[in-house]
Amino acid sequence: MTIDKIAVIGGGAWGTALAQVAAHGGRQTLLWAIEDDVVSAINRIHENPVYLKGQKLNPAIRATANFSELGSCDAWLVVTPAQHMRAVLGRSPCPNMPLILCSKGIEEGSGQLLHHVARDVCPTSPIAVLSGPTFAHEVAAGLPTAVTVATEDPGLGEALRARLAVPAFRIYLSDDLAGAEVGGAVKNVLAIACGVVEGKCLGQNARAALIARGFAEMTRFGLAMGARRETLAGLSGLGDLVLTCSSTSSRNFSLGKGIGEGRAASELMSDRRTVAEGAFTAPVLSKLAADKGIDMPIVAAVARLLDGFAGVDEVLEGLLSRPPRPESH
């Protein structure tokens, strides 16, 4: 399999950053965006001032709002918000188009991981998952980044690495789609919890403990979903968790920080043009865990906070008063 012309579906910060990677060396890249102002700015001034302000883009990137143009490409990097992926893929005119899923989350209505959503909608398309510790502004600027590309099709994985890998964008291949997706979905919820710790000024010790215990929750859930432990301990799991739980560059961490400072989740989310996926993932993840008998107290606490069923102090008291147990649990 050979991949030459790439289409990126989604004109947010992460989609724009991936288009920048795909256009390295002047290779033609098509970026589909729903916002007319984003399309116009990329084509006129080679910038995305809405989502990635100040970053000059490769002139080889051409933006479009015309979905039918995407059929001329060899593969799609799908970077739409997780909750819109099913609808967007349903518009595909290309039943066999390779789909590389670059969004992170779990579909609310079905409780499905996104590669299952893609298989439902496009059953004949080869599918891969691209995930890892990737702040969009750093990727777009060409700073060193390493990601996991998971696919059960070895030919697709090698073709993607040949097409996308550059010295500053290192790709590791895996065949564990569930592992790559679980890490990316769960870490968004845990980042909200770490943001709450920051907003409440509870200290670095508390955040480190929360990351460690959150990783234990991620591992329990991932194994139950068919993921492999080594994938969860890699770039798309632990690597992404550490990054997202440590910086206000993370939308999810920033959301949690605002909640910790006393602002309402609904107010914080209404102010955003960008999406904090963890806010949508938390309730469905908490329900999935409960249905499967998986103990995920941090995830459940975040879901209660976002739903308004409990305040920050009540949630913290509940977590701190849990009975002691062996660390391996």
Protein backbone atom coordinates (compact mmCIF):
# COMPACT_ATOMS: atom_id res chain seq x y z
CA MET A 1 0.00 0.00 0.00
CA THR A 2 1.20 3.51 -0.88
CA ILE A 3 -0.23 6.70 0.60
CA ASP A 4 0.54 9.98 -1.13
CA LYS A 5 -2.19 12.60 -0.79
CA ILE A 6 -3.56 12.95 2.75
CA ALA A 7 -6.86 14.50 3.77
CA VAL A 8 -7.33 15.79 7.32
CA ILE A 9 -10.95 15.86 8.47
CA GLY A 10 -11.34 18.62 11.06
CA GLY A 11 -9.89 22.11 11.16
CA GLY A 12 -9.30 22.50 14.90
CA ALA A 13 -5.86 22.86 16.48
CA TRP A 14 -5.01 19.14 16.35
CA GLY A 15 -6.28 18.70 12.80
CA THR A 16 -4.28 21.72 11.67
CA ALA A 17 -1.15 20.42 13.40
CA LEU A 18 -1.51 17.04 11.70
CA ALA A 19 -1.95 18.77 8.35
CA GLN A 20 1.32 20.57 9.05
CA VAL A 21 3.01 17.20 9.61
CA ALA A 22 1.47 15.72 6.47
CA ALA A 23 2.58 18.71 4.37
CA HIS A 24 6.24 18.39 5.44
CA GLY A 25 8.51 18.77 2.44
CA GLY A 26 5.79 20.45 0.41
CA ARG A 27 3.57 17.40 -0.01
CA GLN A 28 0.02 18.38 -0.98
CA THR A 29 -2.42 18.03 1.92
CA LEU A 30 -6.14 18.74 1.96
CA LEU A 31 -7.73 20.02 5.19
CA TRP A 32 -11.52 19.89 5.52
CA ALA A 33 -13.07 22.33 7.99
CA ILE A 34 -16.68 23.26 8.62
CA GLU A 35 -15.89 26.90 9.52
CA ASP A 36 -15.68 29.24 6.52
CA ASP A 37 -13.35 31.64 8.35
CA VAL A 38 -10.87 28.83 9.02
CA VAL A 39 -10.92 27.69 5.38
CA SER A 40 -10.49 31.25 4.11
CA ALA A 41 -7.61 32.11 6.45
CA ILE A 42 -5.63 28.93 5.72
CA ASN A 43 -5.90 29.49 1.98
CA ARG A 44 -5.23 33.25 2.08
CA ILE A 45 -2.60 33.75 4.78
CA HIS A 46 -1.52 30.17 5.63
CA GLU A 47 -2.64 30.44 9.24
CA ASN A 48 -5.50 29.15 11.37
CA PRO A 49 -6.12 32.19 13.59
CA VAL A 50 -9.18 30.62 15.22
CA TYR A 51 -7.56 27.48 16.65
CA LEU A 52 -3.78 27.80 16.19
CA LYS A 53 -3.10 31.51 16.25
CA GLY A 54 0.36 32.71 15.31
CA GLN A 55 1.58 29.47 13.71
CA LYS A 56 2.60 29.80 10.06
CA LEU A 57 1.38 26.84 8.03
CA ASN A 58 2.96 25.07 5.10
CA PRO A 59 1.60 26.51 1.83
CA ALA A 60 1.13 22.92 0.63
CA ILE A 61 -1.94 22.75 2.91
CA ARG A 62 -5.15 23.63 1.10
CA ALA A 63 -8.38 23.98 3.05
CA THR A 64 -11.86 23.18 1.80
CA ALA A 65 -15.43 23.06 3.13
CA ASN A 66 -16.49 20.77 0.25
CA PHE A 67 -16.65 17.21 1.56
CA SER A 68 -16.78 15.69 -1.94
CA GLU A 69 -13.22 16.87 -2.64
CA LEU A 70 -11.88 14.41 -0.08
CA GLY A 71 -12.46 11.50 -2.45
CA SER A 72 -9.32 12.42 -4.38
CA CYS A 73 -7.09 11.52 -1.42
CA ASP A 74 -5.42 8.22 -0.50
CA ALA A 75 -6.21 8.26 3.25
CA TRP A 76 -8.09 10.34 5.80
CA LEU A 77 -6.82 11.50 9.17
CA VAL A 78 -10.12 11.84 11.05
CA VAL A 79 -9.85 14.56 13.71
CA THR A 80 -13.49 15.47 14.29
CA PRO A 81 -14.74 15.62 17.90
CA ALA A 82 -15.52 12.09 19.06
CA GLN A 83 -19.25 12.72 19.38
CA HIS A 84 -19.50 13.85 15.73
CA MET A 85 -17.38 11.11 14.17
CA ARG A 86 -20.27 8.81 13.26
CA ALA A 87 -22.15 11.56 11.42
CA VAL A 88 -19.05 12.78 9.58
CA LEU A 89 -17.98 9.31 8.46
CA GLY A 90 -21.54 8.67 7.32
CA ARG A 91 -20.97 11.28 4.61
CA SER A 92 -18.05 9.36 3.12
CA PRO A 93 -18.29 8.81 -0.65
CA CYS A 94 -15.40 6.32 -0.48
CA PRO A 95 -16.32 2.92 1.01
CA ASN A 96 -12.73 1.62 1.06
CA MET A 97 -10.92 4.78 2.20
CA PRO A 98 -8.24 4.10 4.86
CA LEU A 99 -9.30 5.90 8.06
CA ILE A 100 -6.78 7.01 10.66
CA LEU A 101 -8.69 7.99 13.79
CA CYS A 102 -6.95 10.83 15.63
CA SER A 103 -9.70 11.89 18.06
CA LYS A 104 -9.91 10.68 21.67
CA GLY A 105 -13.10 9.68 23.41
CA ILE A 106 -15.97 7.22 23.71
CA GLU A 107 -19.24 7.67 21.84
CA GLU A 108 -21.93 8.78 24.29
CA GLY A 109 -24.94 7.05 22.78
CA SER A 110 -23.41 3.63 22.15
CA GLY A 111 -20.54 3.46 24.67
CA GLN A 112 -18.31 2.33 21.79
CA LEU A 113 -14.64 3.04 21.26
CA LEU A 114 -14.16 5.07 18.09
CA HIS A 115 -12.66 2.30 15.98
CA HIS A 116 -15.87 0.33 16.57
CA VAL A 117 -17.88 3.39 15.47
CA ALA A 118 -15.79 3.62 12.30
CA ARG A 119 -16.28 -0.07 11.57
CA ASP A 120 -20.04 0.32 12.00
CA VAL A 121 -20.20 3.17 9.50
CA CYS A 122 -17.42 2.16 7.07
CA PRO A 123 -17.13 -1.64 7.37
CA THR A 124 -14.80 -2.06 4.36
CA SER A 125 -12.35 0.71 5.26
CA PRO A 126 -8.92 -0.18 6.72
CA ILE A 127 -8.71 1.48 10.13
CA ALA A 128 -5.85 2.80 12.26
CA VAL A 129 -5.66 4.81 15.49
CA LEU A 130 -3.08 7.57 15.98
CA SER A 131 -2.59 8.59 19.60
CA GLY A 132 0.03 9.79 22.06
CA PRO A 133 1.27 12.80 24.04
CA THR A 134 0.62 15.53 21.49
CA PHE A 135 -0.07 19.17 22.28
CA ALA A 136 -1.10 20.59 18.92
CA HIS A 137 0.90 23.82 19.11
CA GLU A 138 4.13 21.90 19.71
CA VAL A 139 3.48 19.46 16.86
CA ALA A 140 2.68 22.32 14.47
CA ALA A 141 5.88 24.10 15.46
CA GLY A 142 7.95 21.02 14.67
CA LEU A 143 8.98 20.21 18.23
CA PRO A 144 9.90 16.55 18.89
CA THR A 145 6.88 14.27 19.31
CA ALA A 146 6.37 10.50 19.42
CA VAL A 147 3.05 8.76 18.77
CA THR A 148 1.54 5.31 18.49
CA VAL A 149 -0.18 4.21 15.29
CA ALA A 150 -2.26 1.12 16.00
CA THR A 151 -3.73 -0.97 13.20
CA GLU A 152 -4.42 -4.62 12.49
CA ASP A 153 -3.29 -4.05 8.87
CA PRO A 154 0.55 -4.14 8.80
CA GLY A 155 0.62 -2.69 5.29
CA LEU A 156 -1.41 0.33 6.38
CA GLY A 157 0.82 0.89 9.39
CA GLU A 158 4.01 0.83 7.33
CA ALA A 159 2.47 3.08 4.66
CA LEU A 160 1.45 5.63 7.29
CA ARG A 161 4.88 5.61 8.89
CA ALA A 162 6.52 6.05 5.49
CA ARG A 163 4.20 8.96 4.65
CA LEU A 164 3.98 10.82 7.98
CA ALA A 165 7.14 10.12 9.97
CA VAL A 166 9.75 12.87 10.01
CA PRO A 167 12.65 13.28 12.47
CA ALA A 168 10.52 15.39 14.84
CA PHE A 169 7.40 13.19 14.50
CA ARG A 170 8.36 9.65 15.46
CA ILE A 171 5.85 6.84 14.91
CA TYR A 172 5.74 3.55 16.81
CA LEU A 173 3.51 0.82 15.36
CA SER A 174 1.13 -1.43 17.29
CA ASP A 175 -1.78 -3.74 16.51
CA ASP A 176 -3.62 -2.92 19.76
CA LEU A 177 -6.41 -0.54 18.70
CA ALA A 178 -8.31 -0.92 21.97
CA GLY A 179 -5.21 -0.06 24.01
CA ALA A 180 -4.42 3.03 21.97
CA GLU A 181 -8.00 4.29 22.25
CA VAL A 182 -8.61 3.50 25.93
CA GLY A 183 -5.54 5.48 26.94
CA GLY A 184 -6.58 8.53 24.94
CA ALA A 185 -10.15 8.46 26.26
CA VAL A 186 -9.49 7.81 29.95
CA LYS A 187 -6.62 10.29 30.30
CA ASN A 188 -8.95 13.16 29.34
CA VAL A 189 -11.18 12.41 32.33
CA LEU A 190 -8.21 12.05 34.68
CA ALA A 191 -6.83 15.37 33.42
CA ILE A 192 -10.01 17.08 34.62
CA ALA A 193 -9.42 15.57 38.07
CA CYS A 194 -5.82 16.80 38.08
CA GLY A 195 -7.00 20.25 37.06
CA VAL A 196 -9.34 20.27 40.07
CA VAL A 197 -6.35 19.47 42.30
CA GLU A 198 -4.49 22.41 40.76
CA GLY A 199 -7.47 24.76 41.10
CA LYS A 200 -7.89 23.81 44.78
CA CYS A 201 -4.13 24.33 45.40
CA LEU A 202 -3.76 20.84 46.85
CA GLY A 203 -0.12 20.54 45.81
CA GLN A 204 2.17 18.49 43.59
CA ASN A 205 2.12 15.46 45.88
CA ALA A 206 -1.63 15.14 45.47
CA ARG A 207 -1.41 15.47 41.70
CA ALA A 208 1.31 12.80 41.46
CA ALA A 209 -0.75 10.43 43.57
CA LEU A 210 -3.81 11.13 41.44
CA ILE A 211 -1.91 10.38 38.22
CA ALA A 212 -0.64 7.09 39.65
CA ARG A 213 -4.02 5.96 40.95
CA GLY A 214 -5.66 7.20 37.75
CA PHE A 215 -3.29 5.06 35.73
CA ALA A 216 -4.39 2.09 37.82
CA GLU A 217 -8.00 2.85 36.85
CA MET A 218 -7.02 3.21 33.19
CA THR A 219 -5.26 -0.15 33.32
CA ARG A 220 -8.21 -1.95 34.94
CA PHE A 221 -10.62 -0.57 32.36
CA GLY A 222 -8.28 -1.16 29.44
CA LEU A 223 -7.67 -4.80 30.29
CA ALA A 224 -11.42 -5.35 30.57
CA MET A 225 -11.84 -3.85 27.09
CA GLY A 226 -9.25 -6.16 25.55
CA ALA A 227 -6.26 -3.80 25.64
CA ARG A 228 -2.75 -4.96 26.39
CA ARG A 229 -0.95 -3.79 29.51
CA GLU A 230 2.17 -2.73 27.58
CA THR A 231 0.12 -0.46 25.31
CA LEU A 232 -1.45 1.25 28.32
CA ALA A 233 2.03 1.78 29.77
CA GLY A 234 3.24 3.31 26.48
CA LEU A 235 2.88 6.55 24.59
CA SER A 236 -0.88 6.42 24.06
CA GLY A 237 -1.59 5.56 27.70
CA LEU A 238 0.84 6.63 30.41
CA GLY A 239 2.70 9.04 28.12
CA ASP A 240 -0.44 10.93 27.16
CA LEU A 241 -1.72 10.80 30.75
CA VAL A 242 1.39 12.49 32.16
CA LEU A 243 1.31 15.24 29.54
CA THR A 244 -2.39 16.01 29.79
CA CYS A 245 -2.41 16.03 33.59
CA SER A 246 0.44 18.50 33.87
CA SER A 247 -0.32 21.62 31.84
CA THR A 248 -2.97 24.26 31.23
CA SER A 249 -2.28 23.70 27.51
CA SER A 250 -4.66 20.76 28.03
CA ARG A 251 -8.29 21.79 27.57
CA ASN A 252 -9.36 19.09 30.02
CA PHE A 253 -6.86 20.16 32.68
CA SER A 254 -7.97 23.78 32.24
CA LEU A 255 -11.61 22.77 32.65
CA GLY A 256 -10.82 20.96 35.89
CA LYS A 257 -8.75 23.87 37.15
CA GLY A 258 -11.68 26.21 36.64
CA ILE A 259 -13.97 23.83 38.53
CA GLY A 260 -11.43 23.62 41.35
CA GLU A 261 -11.39 27.41 41.53
CA GLY A 262 -15.15 27.41 42.10
CA ARG A 263 -16.61 27.99 38.63
CA ALA A 264 -19.46 25.86 37.28
CA ALA A 265 -18.63 23.26 34.66
CA SER A 266 -21.54 24.43 32.48
CA GLU A 267 -20.22 28.00 32.53
CA LEU A 268 -16.69 26.90 31.64
CA MET A 269 -17.81 24.74 28.75
CA SER A 270 -20.17 27.35 27.32
CA ASP A 271 -17.24 29.75 26.98
CA ARG A 272 -15.30 27.38 24.75
CA ARG A 273 -15.17 27.12 20.98
CA THR A 274 -12.90 24.12 21.43
CA VAL A 275 -14.02 20.84 22.99
CA ALA A 276 -12.85 19.31 26.29
CA GLU A 277 -13.59 15.70 25.32
CA GLY A 278 -13.24 14.46 28.90
CA ALA A 279 -16.48 16.21 29.82
CA PHE A 280 -18.37 14.00 27.35
CA THR A 281 -16.35 10.88 28.10
CA ALA A 282 -16.67 10.98 31.92
CA PRO A 283 -20.37 10.02 32.25
CA VAL A 284 -20.28 7.25 29.64
CA LEU A 285 -16.98 5.90 30.98
CA SER A 286 -18.32 5.91 34.54
CA LYS A 287 -21.43 4.03 33.44
CA LEU A 288 -19.43 1.49 31.41
CA ALA A 289 -17.17 0.86 34.40
CA ALA A 290 -20.11 0.40 36.75
CA ASP A 291 -21.86 -1.96 34.32
CA LYS A 292 -18.71 -4.06 34.02
CA GLY A 293 -17.95 -4.00 37.76
CA ILE A 294 -14.69 -2.07 37.29
CA ASP A 295 -13.65 0.12 40.21
CA MET A 296 -12.93 3.63 38.88
CA PRO A 297 -13.54 6.04 41.79
CA ILE A 298 -11.69 9.00 40.25
CA VAL A 299 -13.63 8.73 37.00
CA ALA A 300 -16.92 8.40 38.94
CA ALA A 301 -16.03 11.48 40.99
CA VAL A 302 -15.37 13.55 37.86
CA ALA A 303 -18.69 12.41 36.37
CA ARG A 304 -20.53 13.50 39.54
CA LEU A 305 -18.80 16.89 39.46
CA LEU A 306 -19.67 17.52 35.82
CA ASP A 307 -23.28 16.45 36.31
CA GLY A 308 -23.64 18.78 39.29
CA PHE A 309 -24.52 15.90 41.63
CA ALA A 310 -21.74 16.86 44.03
CA GLY A 311 -19.45 19.77 44.82
CA VAL A 312 -15.66 19.72 44.80
CA ASP A 313 -15.30 19.49 48.59
CA GLU A 314 -17.79 16.63 48.83
CA VAL A 315 -16.05 14.69 46.05
CA LEU A 316 -12.62 15.20 47.59
CA GLU A 317 -13.85 14.09 51.00
CA GLY A 318 -15.31 10.96 49.45
CA LEU A 319 -12.05 10.05 47.70
CA LEU A 320 -9.88 10.76 50.75
CA SER A 321 -12.12 8.75 53.08
CA ARG A 322 -12.06 5.57 50.97
CA PRO A 323 -10.86 2.57 52.99
CA PRO A 324 -7.21 1.59 52.50
CA ARG A 325 -6.42 -1.25 50.11
CA PRO A 326 -3.36 -2.93 48.55
CA GLU A 327 -1.72 -0.72 45.92
CA SER A 328 -2.00 -3.49 43.33
CA HIS A 329 -5.80 -3.05 43.29
